[in-house]
Amino acid sequence: MISTAIALQEATKEAVHDEMIMAMASDIYRYRDTDSDSFAKMLFEYSAMLASMTTTLVINAVLTESQLHDLLNTIKEMESMGKDVE
């Protein structure tokens, strides 16, 4: 359990310090005086990218390759079922 917590912490740290994420944060700071719509868009894109990166790294930290494969298959099945419902 402690090793999982450490892996989660490291994945989050890696996501926050990712070169692309840091560049986006720098752009937000640099253009903080821009109009509110543009600034809101930059914040949204930054938070979406950070959440996506964190999720990806956390999944890789806590799931084995076969578990990840099973997860992806389940997602595909759920998407297929959703299309059938429409």
N, C-alpha and C. Protein backbone atom coordinates (compact mmCIF):
# COMPACT_ATOMS: atom_id res chain seq x y z
N MET A 1 0.81 -1.18 0.00
CA MET A 1 0.00 0.00 0.00
C MET A 1 0.87 1.26 0.00
N ILE A 2 1.94 1.25 0.76
CA ILE A 2 2.84 2.40 0.79
C ILE A 2 3.51 2.57 -0.57
N SER A 3 3.89 1.46 -1.19
CA SER A 3 4.53 1.56 -2.51
C SER A 3 3.57 2.14 -3.55
N THR A 4 2.29 1.81 -3.44
CA THR A 4 1.29 2.37 -4.35
C THR A 4 1.15 3.87 -4.11
N ALA A 5 1.10 4.29 -2.86
CA ALA A 5 1.00 5.71 -2.53
C ALA A 5 2.21 6.47 -3.06
N ILE A 6 3.38 5.90 -2.93
CA ILE A 6 4.59 6.54 -3.43
C ILE A 6 4.55 6.61 -4.95
N ALA A 7 4.07 5.54 -5.60
CA ALA A 7 3.96 5.55 -7.06
C ALA A 7 2.98 6.61 -7.53
N LEU A 8 1.87 6.77 -6.81
CA LEU A 8 0.90 7.81 -7.15
C LEU A 8 1.51 9.20 -6.98
N GLN A 9 2.23 9.38 -5.89
CA GLN A 9 2.87 10.67 -5.64
C GLN A 9 3.89 10.98 -6.73
N GLU A 10 4.67 10.01 -7.11
CA GLU A 10 5.69 10.22 -8.15
C GLU A 10 5.04 10.51 -9.51
N ALA A 11 3.95 9.79 -9.81
CA ALA A 11 3.25 10.03 -11.08
C ALA A 11 2.70 11.44 -11.13
N THR A 12 2.12 11.90 -10.04
CA THR A 12 1.58 13.26 -9.98
C THR A 12 2.69 14.28 -10.12
N LYS A 13 3.79 14.05 -9.42
CA LYS A 13 4.93 14.97 -9.49
C LYS A 13 5.49 15.02 -10.91
N GLU A 14 5.58 13.85 -11.55
CA GLU A 14 6.09 13.79 -12.92
C GLU A 14 5.17 14.56 -13.87
N ALA A 15 3.86 14.43 -13.68
CA ALA A 15 2.91 15.14 -14.54
C ALA A 15 3.04 16.65 -14.37
N VAL A 16 3.11 17.11 -13.13
CA VAL A 16 3.20 18.55 -12.86
C VAL A 16 4.49 19.13 -13.43
N HIS A 17 5.57 18.36 -13.38
CA HIS A 17 6.86 18.85 -13.84
C HIS A 17 7.16 18.48 -15.30
N ASP A 18 6.19 17.93 -16.00
CA ASP A 18 6.37 17.60 -17.41
C ASP A 18 6.70 18.87 -18.19
N GLU A 19 7.58 18.75 -19.15
CA GLU A 19 8.06 19.91 -19.91
C GLU A 19 6.91 20.65 -20.61
N MET A 20 5.99 19.91 -21.21
CA MET A 20 4.88 20.54 -21.92
C MET A 20 3.91 21.22 -20.94
N ILE A 21 3.66 20.57 -19.80
CA ILE A 21 2.78 21.16 -18.78
C ILE A 21 3.39 22.43 -18.22
N MET A 22 4.68 22.39 -17.96
CA MET A 22 5.37 23.57 -17.44
C MET A 22 5.35 24.71 -18.45
N ALA A 23 5.48 24.39 -19.74
CA ALA A 23 5.43 25.42 -20.78
C ALA A 23 4.05 26.07 -20.81
N MET A 24 3.02 25.26 -20.65
CA MET A 24 1.66 25.81 -20.63
C MET A 24 1.46 26.73 -19.42
N ALA A 25 1.97 26.31 -18.26
CA ALA A 25 1.87 27.14 -17.05
C ALA A 25 2.62 28.46 -17.25
N SER A 26 3.76 28.39 -17.89
CA SER A 26 4.54 29.59 -18.16
C SER A 26 3.78 30.54 -19.09
N ASP A 27 3.13 29.97 -20.11
CA ASP A 27 2.33 30.80 -21.02
C ASP A 27 1.17 31.47 -20.29
N ILE A 28 0.53 30.74 -19.41
CA ILE A 28 -0.57 31.32 -18.64
C ILE A 28 -0.08 32.50 -17.82
N TYR A 29 1.06 32.32 -17.18
CA TYR A 29 1.62 33.42 -16.39
C TYR A 29 1.99 34.61 -17.28
N ARG A 30 2.62 34.32 -18.40
CA ARG A 30 3.07 35.38 -19.31
C ARG A 30 1.89 36.17 -19.87
N TYR A 31 0.79 35.48 -20.16
CA TYR A 31 -0.36 36.14 -20.79
C TYR A 31 -1.51 36.36 -19.81
N ARG A 32 -1.21 36.49 -18.53
CA ARG A 32 -2.24 36.63 -17.51
C ARG A 32 -3.05 37.92 -17.65
N ASP A 33 -2.52 38.90 -18.36
CA ASP A 33 -3.23 40.16 -18.54
C ASP A 33 -4.07 40.19 -19.82
N THR A 34 -4.22 39.06 -20.48
CA THR A 34 -5.01 38.98 -21.70
C THR A 34 -6.50 39.04 -21.37
N ASP A 35 -7.34 39.09 -22.40
CA ASP A 35 -8.78 39.17 -22.13
C ASP A 35 -9.26 37.92 -21.41
N SER A 36 -10.34 38.05 -20.68
CA SER A 36 -10.79 36.97 -19.78
C SER A 36 -11.18 35.70 -20.53
N ASP A 37 -11.73 35.81 -21.73
CA ASP A 37 -12.10 34.60 -22.48
C ASP A 37 -10.87 33.80 -22.88
N SER A 38 -9.85 34.49 -23.37
CA SER A 38 -8.62 33.80 -23.75
C SER A 38 -7.92 33.19 -22.54
N PHE A 39 -7.92 33.95 -21.44
CA PHE A 39 -7.28 33.46 -20.22
C PHE A 39 -8.01 32.22 -19.70
N ALA A 40 -9.34 32.27 -19.72
CA ALA A 40 -10.14 31.12 -19.27
C ALA A 40 -9.87 29.90 -20.14
N LYS A 41 -9.75 30.12 -21.44
CA LYS A 41 -9.45 29.01 -22.36
C LYS A 41 -8.08 28.41 -22.05
N MET A 42 -7.08 29.26 -21.80
CA MET A 42 -5.74 28.76 -21.46
C MET A 42 -5.77 27.96 -20.17
N LEU A 43 -6.50 28.44 -19.17
CA LEU A 43 -6.61 27.72 -17.90
C LEU A 43 -7.30 26.37 -18.08
N PHE A 44 -8.37 26.36 -18.88
CA PHE A 44 -9.08 25.11 -19.14
C PHE A 44 -8.17 24.11 -19.84
N GLU A 45 -7.46 24.56 -20.87
CA GLU A 45 -6.56 23.66 -21.60
C GLU A 45 -5.45 23.13 -20.69
N TYR A 46 -4.91 24.01 -19.86
CA TYR A 46 -3.86 23.59 -18.92
C TYR A 46 -4.39 22.53 -17.95
N SER A 47 -5.55 22.80 -17.35
CA SER A 47 -6.08 21.85 -16.36
C SER A 47 -6.46 20.53 -17.02
N ALA A 48 -7.00 20.58 -18.23
CA ALA A 48 -7.34 19.34 -18.94
C ALA A 48 -6.08 18.53 -19.27
N MET A 49 -5.05 19.22 -19.72
CA MET A 49 -3.80 18.53 -20.07
C MET A 49 -3.14 17.95 -18.82
N LEU A 50 -3.14 18.71 -17.73
CA LEU A 50 -2.55 18.21 -16.49
C LEU A 50 -3.32 17.01 -15.96
N ALA A 51 -4.64 17.07 -15.98
CA ALA A 51 -5.47 15.95 -15.52
C ALA A 51 -5.25 14.72 -16.38
N SER A 52 -5.18 14.92 -17.68
CA SER A 52 -4.96 13.80 -18.60
C SER A 52 -3.59 13.16 -18.37
N MET A 53 -2.57 13.99 -18.25
CA MET A 53 -1.22 13.48 -18.02
C MET A 53 -1.14 12.74 -16.69
N THR A 54 -1.74 13.31 -15.66
CA THR A 54 -1.73 12.67 -14.34
C THR A 54 -2.44 11.33 -14.38
N THR A 55 -3.60 11.30 -15.02
CA THR A 55 -4.36 10.05 -15.13
C THR A 55 -3.55 8.98 -15.86
N THR A 56 -2.94 9.35 -16.95
CA THR A 56 -2.13 8.40 -17.72
C THR A 56 -0.99 7.84 -16.88
N LEU A 57 -0.28 8.71 -16.20
CA LEU A 57 0.86 8.26 -15.40
C LEU A 57 0.41 7.44 -14.19
N VAL A 58 -0.72 7.81 -13.58
CA VAL A 58 -1.24 7.04 -12.44
C VAL A 58 -1.67 5.65 -12.89
N ILE A 59 -2.36 5.58 -14.01
CA ILE A 59 -2.78 4.27 -14.53
C ILE A 59 -1.57 3.39 -14.77
N ASN A 60 -0.54 3.96 -15.38
CA ASN A 60 0.67 3.18 -15.64
C ASN A 60 1.37 2.77 -14.35
N ALA A 61 1.21 3.56 -13.30
CA ALA A 61 1.87 3.25 -12.03
C ALA A 61 1.15 2.17 -11.24
N VAL A 62 -0.17 2.07 -11.38
CA VAL A 62 -0.92 1.15 -10.52
C VAL A 62 -1.47 -0.09 -11.22
N LEU A 63 -1.50 -0.09 -12.55
CA LEU A 63 -2.02 -1.25 -13.26
C LEU A 63 -0.92 -2.00 -13.98
N THR A 64 -1.04 -3.31 -13.99
CA THR A 64 -0.12 -4.11 -14.80
C THR A 64 -0.55 -4.01 -16.26
N GLU A 65 0.27 -4.50 -17.14
CA GLU A 65 -0.05 -4.43 -18.57
C GLU A 65 -1.34 -5.19 -18.88
N SER A 66 -1.53 -6.35 -18.27
CA SER A 66 -2.75 -7.12 -18.53
C SER A 66 -3.98 -6.43 -17.94
N GLN A 67 -3.83 -5.81 -16.78
CA GLN A 67 -4.95 -5.07 -16.20
C GLN A 67 -5.33 -3.87 -17.08
N LEU A 68 -4.33 -3.20 -17.62
CA LEU A 68 -4.57 -2.08 -18.51
C LEU A 68 -5.29 -2.55 -19.77
N HIS A 69 -4.86 -3.69 -20.30
CA HIS A 69 -5.50 -4.28 -21.48
C HIS A 69 -6.97 -4.60 -21.18
N ASP A 70 -7.22 -5.20 -20.01
CA ASP A 70 -8.60 -5.50 -19.61
C ASP A 70 -9.43 -4.23 -19.47
N LEU A 71 -8.85 -3.19 -18.90
CA LEU A 71 -9.54 -1.93 -18.74
C LEU A 71 -9.93 -1.34 -20.10
N LEU A 72 -9.00 -1.35 -21.04
CA LEU A 72 -9.28 -0.81 -22.37
C LEU A 72 -10.36 -1.62 -23.08
N ASN A 73 -10.33 -2.93 -22.92
CA ASN A 73 -11.38 -3.77 -23.52
C ASN A 73 -12.74 -3.47 -22.90
N THR A 74 -12.78 -3.26 -21.61
CA THR A 74 -14.04 -2.92 -20.94
C THR A 74 -14.57 -1.58 -21.43
N ILE A 75 -13.68 -0.62 -21.60
CA ILE A 75 -14.09 0.70 -22.10
C ILE A 75 -14.67 0.55 -23.51
N LYS A 76 -14.02 -0.25 -24.35
CA LYS A 76 -14.53 -0.46 -25.71
C LYS A 76 -15.90 -1.12 -25.68
N GLU A 77 -16.08 -2.09 -24.80
CA GLU A 77 -17.38 -2.76 -24.67
C GLU A 77 -18.46 -1.77 -24.23
N MET A 78 -18.14 -0.92 -23.26
CA MET A 78 -19.10 0.06 -22.77
C MET A 78 -19.47 1.07 -23.87
N GLU A 79 -18.48 1.50 -24.65
CA GLU A 79 -18.76 2.41 -25.76
C GLU A 79 -19.67 1.74 -26.78
N SER A 80 -19.41 0.48 -27.06
CA SER A 80 -20.24 -0.26 -28.01
C SER A 80 -21.68 -0.39 -27.50
N MET A 81 -21.83 -0.68 -26.22
CA MET A 81 -23.16 -0.79 -25.63
C MET A 81 -23.86 0.55 -25.68
N GLY A 82 -23.14 1.63 -25.46
CA GLY A 82 -23.73 2.96 -25.53
C GLY A 82 -24.24 3.30 -26.90
N LYS A 83 -23.53 2.87 -27.93
CA LYS A 83 -23.96 3.11 -29.31
C LYS A 83 -25.22 2.31 -29.63
N ASP A 84 -25.32 1.12 -29.06
CA ASP A 84 -26.50 0.28 -29.29
C ASP A 84 -27.74 0.89 -28.64
N VAL A 85 -27.57 1.59 -27.54
CA VAL A 85 -28.68 2.20 -26.83
C VAL A 85 -29.27 3.37 -27.60
N GLU A 86 -28.39 4.12 -28.27
CA GLU A 86 -28.82 5.30 -29.03
C GLU A 86 -29.74 4.85 -30.11
